[in-house]
Protein backbone atom coordinates (compact mmCIF):
# COMPACT_ATOMS: atom_id res chain seq x y z
CA MET A 1 8.27 47.86 108.00
CA LEU A 2 9.16 44.40 109.92
CA GLU A 3 6.59 43.82 113.01
CA ASP A 4 8.82 41.72 115.32
CA ASN A 5 5.86 38.45 116.56
CA SER A 6 9.10 35.70 117.62
CA GLY A 7 7.24 35.95 121.22
CA GLN A 8 3.46 35.67 120.12
CA LEU A 9 4.76 33.09 118.26
CA THR A 10 6.61 31.17 120.76
CA LEU A 11 3.88 31.40 123.19
CA MET A 12 1.58 30.21 120.54
CA MET A 13 3.60 27.12 119.96
CA THR A 14 3.95 26.60 123.65
CA TYR A 15 0.41 26.53 124.25
CA ASN A 16 0.43 24.55 121.22
CA LYS A 17 2.38 21.82 122.60
CA THR A 18 1.24 21.25 125.46
CA LYS A 19 -2.51 20.33 123.40
CA ALA A 20 -0.79 18.23 120.95
CA LEU A 21 0.97 15.93 124.20
CA VAL A 22 -2.24 15.92 126.64
CA ALA A 23 -3.78 14.87 122.96
CA VAL A 24 -1.53 12.81 122.22
CA GLY A 25 -1.67 10.35 125.72
CA LYS A 26 -5.87 10.88 125.35
CA ALA A 27 -5.18 8.92 122.38
CA ALA A 28 -2.78 6.07 123.53
CA VAL A 29 -5.07 5.47 126.67
CA GLU A 30 -7.65 5.20 124.27
CA VAL A 31 -5.80 2.84 121.91
CA ILE A 32 -4.66 1.18 125.21
CA GLN A 33 -8.21 0.01 126.31
CA ASP A 34 -9.07 -1.12 122.49
CA TYR A 35 -6.41 -3.53 122.23
CA MET A 36 -7.28 -4.98 125.71
CA MET A 37 -10.64 -5.64 124.50
CA ASN A 38 -10.24 -6.70 120.75
CA ASN A 39 -6.71 -8.37 120.67
CA TYR A 40 -5.97 -10.50 123.07
CA SER A 41 -9.42 -12.92 123.15
CA THR A 42 -7.26 -16.27 123.92
CA VAL A 43 -5.35 -17.15 126.62
CA HIS A 44 -2.84 -19.76 126.08
CA TYR A 45 -0.90 -21.67 128.67
CA HIS A 46 1.89 -23.32 128.90
CA SER A 47 1.79 -25.65 131.41
CA HIS A 48 -0.65 -27.95 129.39
CA SER A 49 -2.15 -27.51 125.53
CA LYS A 50 -5.86 -25.72 127.37
CA ASN A 51 -6.56 -22.77 126.61
CA SER A 52 -9.12 -20.09 127.55
CA ASP A 53 -11.90 -17.44 126.40
CA SER A 54 -10.73 -15.45 128.84
CA ARG A 55 -10.22 -11.70 127.62
CA ILE A 56 -8.67 -8.92 129.70
CA TYR A 57 -10.35 -7.32 130.29
CA ASP A 58 -12.34 -10.05 132.77
CA THR A 59 -13.66 -6.85 135.37
CA GLY A 60 -12.59 -4.14 133.88
CA THR A 61 -9.78 -3.15 136.80
CA LEU A 62 -7.11 -2.95 134.14
CA MET A 63 -9.02 -1.32 131.65
CA ARG A 64 -10.52 1.26 133.55
CA SER A 65 -6.67 1.98 135.49
CA ILE A 66 -4.86 2.76 132.16
CA SER A 67 -4.26 6.58 131.80
CA SER A 68 -1.25 8.78 130.30
CA GLN A 69 0.55 11.26 132.81
CA VAL A 70 2.88 14.87 130.41
CA ASP A 71 6.00 15.53 131.73
CA PHE A 72 5.79 19.57 130.44
CA GLY A 73 9.41 19.61 132.19
CA THR A 74 10.86 16.91 129.25
CA ASP A 75 7.69 16.61 126.51
CA THR A 76 6.95 12.87 127.89
CA VAL A 77 4.03 11.39 127.92
CA ALA A 78 3.93 8.31 129.67
CA VAL A 79 1.07 6.12 129.29
CA GLY A 80 0.64 2.64 131.86
CA THR A 81 -1.42 1.73 135.05
CA ASN A 82 -0.91 0.97 138.90
CA ILE A 83 -2.43 -2.25 138.69
CA GLU A 84 -0.60 -4.25 140.29
CA TYR A 85 -1.29 -7.51 138.63
CA ALA A 86 -0.70 -5.43 134.80
CA SER A 87 2.94 -6.99 134.63
CA TRP A 88 1.55 -9.87 135.21
CA VAL A 89 -0.80 -10.00 131.86
CA HIS A 90 1.51 -7.76 129.60
CA ASN A 91 4.54 -9.71 130.29
CA GLY A 92 2.85 -13.29 131.10
CA THR A 93 3.86 -15.95 133.45
CA ARG A 94 5.51 -19.07 133.25
CA LYS A 95 2.07 -20.05 133.16
CA VAL A 96 1.08 -17.78 130.90
CA GLU A 97 1.19 -16.28 127.68
CA ALA A 98 2.69 -12.41 127.77
CA ARG A 99 0.01 -10.33 126.41
CA PRO A 100 1.71 -7.40 126.17
CA PHE A 101 -1.83 -4.58 125.18
CA ILE A 102 0.37 -1.70 126.44
CA LYS A 103 3.44 -1.71 123.83
CA ASP A 104 1.86 -3.85 120.94
CA ALA A 105 -1.04 -0.55 121.19
CA VAL A 106 1.15 2.24 121.04
CA MET A 107 4.72 0.67 119.03
CA ASP A 108 1.53 0.29 116.11
CA ASN A 109 0.35 3.44 116.06
CA VAL A 110 2.80 5.24 116.73
CA ASN A 111 2.22 7.65 113.31
CA MET A 112 -1.85 7.97 114.68
CA PHE A 113 0.49 9.59 117.48
CA ASN A 114 3.00 11.74 115.28
CA GLU A 115 0.05 12.80 112.94
CA ILE A 116 -2.02 14.28 116.47
CA PHE A 117 1.29 15.78 117.44
CA ALA A 118 1.82 17.46 114.07
CA GLU A 119 -1.77 18.56 113.93
CA TYR A 120 -1.80 19.67 117.52
CA LEU A 121 1.31 22.00 116.61
CA ALA A 122 0.27 23.11 113.11
CA GLU A 123 -2.48 24.70 114.96
CA GLY A 124 -3.30 29.01 114.21
CA MET A 125 0.02 28.76 112.41
CA LYS A 126 -1.95 29.43 108.31
C-alpha cells in the first residue's frame, strides 16, 4: 500500500525555499560588498581629466549599509541600501562616472544565486 507523503513534501519544500531565499540574500550582500572593495578603485571625473584613487568604501558607511530583505509573499529577495548618496555613487552624476556596484555584482553572479537556490531546494530530497 502506498503512503501519501505529499503534505510532508510540501512542508519540506516550503522550508527549503525559505532557507534558499535567505541564503541568496546573504550571498548577494557579500558579493556586492566584495565588488565595492575590489572593482571600482578609480573614479573618473567628467568635468576634467583628473582621476582619483577613491574607492567606494572610503569610510565604510555605504558598504555596511548593504542589506537584503526577503518578501515571502512574492518569493523575492531585494538588496540595496538606505544611504541617500548611494544612488549618486551607483548611477553617477554629471561630474562623476557611475559605479553600478549593486547591478554589476548581482548580474555577474546570477548563476551562483541560482545554484545556491537549487542546492537548498534539493535538501532532504535524496
